[in-house]
Amino acid sequence: MMRRKFFLMLKKNFKMKKIPFEMLLKIYIMMKQKMLVLKVKKNIVTKMR
């Protein structure tokens, strides 16, 4: 769900040329890394139990 909202936001901004594409990519990569970190943390927590 969050990803969809994020992409809609990207599309809007991209059409309006508000944000350069490189910046969008950086933001997207950062978001992905955050998601990965959260997943890893969850996995670690479930393993600890």
PDB file of N, CA and C in Angstrom:
ATOM      1  N   MET A   1       0.849  -1.198   0.000  1.00  0.00           N
ATOM      2  CA  MET A   1       0.000   0.000   0.000  1.00  0.00           C
ATOM      3  C   MET A   1       0.883   1.245   0.000  1.00  0.00           C
ATOM      4  N   MET A   2       1.844   1.282   0.893  1.00  0.00           N
ATOM      5  CA  MET A   2       2.716   2.449   0.978  1.00  0.00           C
ATOM      6  C   MET A   2       3.479   2.627  -0.330  1.00  0.00           C
ATOM      7  N   ARG A   3       3.887   1.514  -0.895  1.00  0.00           N
ATOM      8  CA  ARG A   3       4.662   1.588  -2.129  1.00  0.00           C
ATOM      9  C   ARG A   3       3.826   2.221  -3.241  1.00  0.00           C
ATOM     10  N   ARG A   4       2.529   1.850  -3.279  1.00  0.00           N
ATOM     11  CA  ARG A   4       1.659   2.386  -4.311  1.00  0.00           C
ATOM     12  C   ARG A   4       1.533   3.909  -4.169  1.00  0.00           C
ATOM     13  N   LYS A   5       1.312   4.344  -2.951  1.00  0.00           N
ATOM     14  CA  LYS A   5       1.207   5.790  -2.687  1.00  0.00           C
ATOM     15  C   LYS A   5       2.484   6.482  -3.116  1.00  0.00           C
ATOM     16  N   PHE A   6       3.597   5.863  -2.776  1.00  0.00           N
ATOM     17  CA  PHE A   6       4.904   6.425  -3.094  1.00  0.00           C
ATOM     18  C   PHE A   6       5.045   6.598  -4.606  1.00  0.00           C
ATOM     19  N   PHE A   7       4.626   5.558  -5.348  1.00  0.00           N
ATOM     20  CA  PHE A   7       4.753   5.625  -6.803  1.00  0.00           C
ATOM     21  C   PHE A   7       3.818   6.672  -7.399  1.00  0.00           C
ATOM     22  N   LEU A   8       2.622   6.791  -6.830  1.00  0.00           N
ATOM     23  CA  LEU A   8       1.695   7.833  -7.306  1.00  0.00           C
ATOM     24  C   LEU A   8       2.319   9.205  -7.111  1.00  0.00           C
ATOM     25  N   MET A   9       2.895   9.393  -5.952  1.00  0.00           N
ATOM     26  CA  MET A   9       3.565  10.652  -5.647  1.00  0.00           C
ATOM     27  C   MET A   9       4.685  10.899  -6.667  1.00  0.00           C
ATOM     28  N   LEU A  10       5.464   9.867  -6.945  1.00  0.00           N
ATOM     29  CA  LEU A  10       6.554   9.999  -7.909  1.00  0.00           C
ATOM     30  C   LEU A  10       6.020  10.420  -9.265  1.00  0.00           C
ATOM     31  N   LYS A  11       4.974   9.752  -9.688  1.00  0.00           N
ATOM     32  CA  LYS A  11       4.408  10.064 -11.004  1.00  0.00           C
ATOM     33  C   LYS A  11       3.978  11.521 -11.080  1.00  0.00           C
ATOM     34  N   LYS A  12       3.278  11.968 -10.071  1.00  0.00           N
ATOM     35  CA  LYS A  12       2.808  13.359 -10.045  1.00  0.00           C
ATOM     36  C   LYS A  12       3.990  14.313 -10.150  1.00  0.00           C
ATOM     37  N   ASN A  13       4.963  14.106  -9.283  1.00  0.00           N
ATOM     38  CA  ASN A  13       6.122  14.994  -9.258  1.00  0.00           C
ATOM     39  C   ASN A  13       6.921  14.919 -10.553  1.00  0.00           C
ATOM     40  N   PHE A  14       6.952  13.726 -11.096  1.00  0.00           N
ATOM     41  CA  PHE A  14       7.714  13.537 -12.332  1.00  0.00           C
ATOM     42  C   PHE A  14       7.042  14.293 -13.482  1.00  0.00           C
ATOM     43  N   LYS A  15       5.738  14.229 -13.541  1.00  0.00           N
ATOM     44  CA  LYS A  15       5.000  14.945 -14.593  1.00  0.00           C
ATOM     45  C   LYS A  15       5.195  16.441 -14.471  1.00  0.00           C
ATOM     46  N   MET A  16       5.196  16.921 -13.249  1.00  0.00           N
ATOM     47  CA  MET A  16       5.368  18.355 -13.034  1.00  0.00           C
ATOM     48  C   MET A  16       6.828  18.770 -13.106  1.00  0.00           C
ATOM     49  N   LYS A  17       7.710  17.796 -13.208  1.00  0.00           N
ATOM     50  CA  LYS A  17       9.155  18.063 -13.275  1.00  0.00           C
ATOM     51  C   LYS A  17       9.634  18.820 -12.046  1.00  0.00           C
ATOM     52  N   LYS A  18       9.035  18.524 -10.920  1.00  0.00           N
ATOM     53  CA  LYS A  18       9.450  19.189  -9.675  1.00  0.00           C
ATOM     54  C   LYS A  18      10.768  18.608  -9.180  1.00  0.00           C
ATOM     55  N   ILE A  19      10.854  17.297  -9.264  1.00  0.00           N
ATOM     56  CA  ILE A  19      12.027  16.614  -8.710  1.00  0.00           C
ATOM     57  C   ILE A  19      12.799  15.946  -9.849  1.00  0.00           C
ATOM     58  N   PRO A  20      14.101  16.104  -9.876  1.00  0.00           N
ATOM     59  CA  PRO A  20      14.902  15.413 -10.895  1.00  0.00           C
ATOM     60  C   PRO A  20      14.869  13.903 -10.678  1.00  0.00           C
ATOM     61  N   PHE A  21      14.972  13.193 -11.760  1.00  0.00           N
ATOM     62  CA  PHE A  21      14.829  11.737 -11.709  1.00  0.00           C
ATOM     63  C   PHE A  21      15.874  11.087 -10.802  1.00  0.00           C
ATOM     64  N   GLU A  22      17.091  11.585 -10.835  1.00  0.00           N
ATOM     65  CA  GLU A  22      18.160  11.003  -9.999  1.00  0.00           C
ATOM     66  C   GLU A  22      17.771  11.045  -8.525  1.00  0.00           C
ATOM     67  N   MET A  23      17.168  12.163  -8.138  1.00  0.00           N
ATOM     68  CA  MET A  23      16.769  12.305  -6.743  1.00  0.00           C
ATOM     69  C   MET A  23      15.691  11.283  -6.407  1.00  0.00           C
ATOM     70  N   LEU A  24      14.762  11.096  -7.330  1.00  0.00           N
ATOM     71  CA  LEU A  24      13.698  10.112  -7.106  1.00  0.00           C
ATOM     72  C   LEU A  24      14.311   8.731  -6.888  1.00  0.00           C
ATOM     73  N   LEU A  25      15.285   8.413  -7.718  1.00  0.00           N
ATOM     74  CA  LEU A  25      15.929   7.107  -7.597  1.00  0.00           C
ATOM     75  C   LEU A  25      16.599   6.968  -6.232  1.00  0.00           C
ATOM     76  N   LYS A  26      17.292   8.012  -5.816  1.00  0.00           N
ATOM     77  CA  LYS A  26      17.961   7.976  -4.507  1.00  0.00           C
ATOM     78  C   LYS A  26      16.937   7.737  -3.401  1.00  0.00           C
ATOM     79  N   ILE A  27      15.848   8.492  -3.479  1.00  0.00           N
ATOM     80  CA  ILE A  27      14.811   8.358  -2.451  1.00  0.00           C
ATOM     81  C   ILE A  27      14.269   6.935  -2.451  1.00  0.00           C
ATOM     82  N   TYR A  28      14.012   6.415  -3.649  1.00  0.00           N
ATOM     83  CA  TYR A  28      13.447   5.073  -3.765  1.00  0.00           C
ATOM     84  C   TYR A  28      14.402   4.031  -3.175  1.00  0.00           C
ATOM     85  N   ILE A  29      15.674   4.165  -3.493  1.00  0.00           N
ATOM     86  CA  ILE A  29      16.672   3.215  -2.976  1.00  0.00           C
ATOM     87  C   ILE A  29      16.720   3.293  -1.455  1.00  0.00           C
ATOM     88  N   MET A  30      16.673   4.507  -0.924  1.00  0.00           N
ATOM     89  CA  MET A  30      16.680   4.672   0.528  1.00  0.00           C
ATOM     90  C   MET A  30      15.469   3.974   1.151  1.00  0.00           C
ATOM     91  N   MET A  31      14.318   4.179   0.526  1.00  0.00           N
ATOM     92  CA  MET A  31      13.091   3.550   1.033  1.00  0.00           C
ATOM     93  C   MET A  31      13.238   2.032   1.033  1.00  0.00           C
ATOM     94  N   LYS A  32      13.766   1.506  -0.063  1.00  0.00           N
ATOM     95  CA  LYS A  32      13.932   0.058  -0.183  1.00  0.00           C
ATOM     96  C   LYS A  32      14.866  -0.460   0.913  1.00  0.00           C
ATOM     97  N   GLN A  33      15.950   0.265   1.138  1.00  0.00           N
ATOM     98  CA  GLN A  33      16.906  -0.150   2.162  1.00  0.00           C
ATOM     99  C   GLN A  33      16.240  -0.158   3.531  1.00  0.00           C
ATOM    100  N   LYS A  34      15.419   0.854   3.803  1.00  0.00           N
ATOM    101  CA  LYS A  34      14.710   0.917   5.082  1.00  0.00           C
ATOM    102  C   LYS A  34      13.809  -0.288   5.247  1.00  0.00           C
ATOM    103  N   MET A  35      13.089  -0.608   4.176  1.00  0.00           N
ATOM    104  CA  MET A  35      12.184  -1.752   4.216  1.00  0.00           C
ATOM    105  C   MET A  35      12.976  -3.035   4.505  1.00  0.00           C
ATOM    106  N   LEU A  36      14.117  -3.171   3.842  1.00  0.00           N
ATOM    107  CA  LEU A  36      14.958  -4.351   4.035  1.00  0.00           C
ATOM    108  C   LEU A  36      15.411  -4.449   5.489  1.00  0.00           C
ATOM    109  N   VAL A  37      15.849  -3.328   6.024  1.00  0.00           N
ATOM    110  CA  VAL A  37      16.316  -3.309   7.413  1.00  0.00           C
ATOM    111  C   VAL A  37      15.179  -3.741   8.340  1.00  0.00           C
ATOM    112  N   LEU A  38      13.982  -3.228   8.094  1.00  0.00           N
ATOM    113  CA  LEU A  38      12.835  -3.588   8.924  1.00  0.00           C
ATOM    114  C   LEU A  38      12.564  -5.083   8.825  1.00  0.00           C
ATOM    115  N   LYS A  39      12.614  -5.609   7.617  1.00  0.00           N
ATOM    116  CA  LYS A  39      12.374  -7.043   7.413  1.00  0.00           C
ATOM    117  C   LYS A  39      13.393  -7.864   8.188  1.00  0.00           C
ATOM    118  N   VAL A  40      14.656  -7.472   8.065  1.00  0.00           N
ATOM    119  CA  VAL A  40      15.729  -8.200   8.749  1.00  0.00           C
ATOM    120  C   VAL A  40      15.499  -8.163  10.257  1.00  0.00           C
ATOM    121  N   LYS A  41      15.148  -6.990  10.774  1.00  0.00           N
ATOM    122  CA  LYS A  41      14.894  -6.859  12.214  1.00  0.00           C
ATOM    123  C   LYS A  41      13.766  -7.788  12.636  1.00  0.00           C
ATOM    124  N   LYS A  42      12.697  -7.822  11.843  1.00  0.00           N
ATOM    125  CA  LYS A  42      11.565  -8.698  12.152  1.00  0.00           C
ATOM    126  C   LYS A  42      12.021 -10.143  12.196  1.00  0.00           C
ATOM    127  N   ASN A  43      12.817 -10.538  11.194  1.00  0.00           N
ATOM    128  CA  ASN A  43      13.301 -11.914  11.132  1.00  0.00           C
ATOM    129  C   ASN A  43      14.130 -12.253  12.366  1.00  0.00           C
ATOM    130  N   ILE A  44      14.988 -11.338  12.749  1.00  0.00           N
ATOM    131  CA  ILE A  44      15.845 -11.559  13.915  1.00  0.00           C
ATOM    132  C   ILE A  44      14.964 -11.739  15.160  1.00  0.00           C
ATOM    133  N   VAL A  45      13.965 -10.878  15.282  1.00  0.00           N
ATOM    134  CA  VAL A  45      13.081 -10.947  16.449  1.00  0.00           C
ATOM    135  C   VAL A  45      12.358 -12.294  16.493  1.00  0.00           C
ATOM    136  N   THR A  46      11.861 -12.743  15.343  1.00  0.00           N
ATOM    137  CA  THR A  46      11.126 -14.013  15.320  1.00  0.00           C
ATOM    138  C   THR A  46      12.070 -15.180  15.616  1.00  0.00           C
ATOM    139  N   LYS A  47      13.318 -15.068  15.192  1.00  0.00           N
ATOM    140  CA  LYS A  47      14.284 -16.137  15.464  1.00  0.00           C
ATOM    141  C   LYS A  47      14.635 -16.195  16.944  1.00  0.00           C
ATOM    142  N   MET A  48      14.693 -15.046  17.576  1.00  0.00           N
ATOM    143  CA  MET A  48      15.056 -14.990  18.988  1.00  0.00           C
ATOM    144  C   MET A  48      14.029 -15.729  19.854  1.00  0.00           C
ATOM    145  N   ARG A  49      12.778 -15.706  19.456  1.00  0.00           N
ATOM    146  CA  ARG A  49      11.718 -16.294  20.272  1.00  0.00           C
ATOM    147  C   ARG A  49      11.835 -17.797  20.375  1.00  0.00           C
TER     148      ARG A  49
END
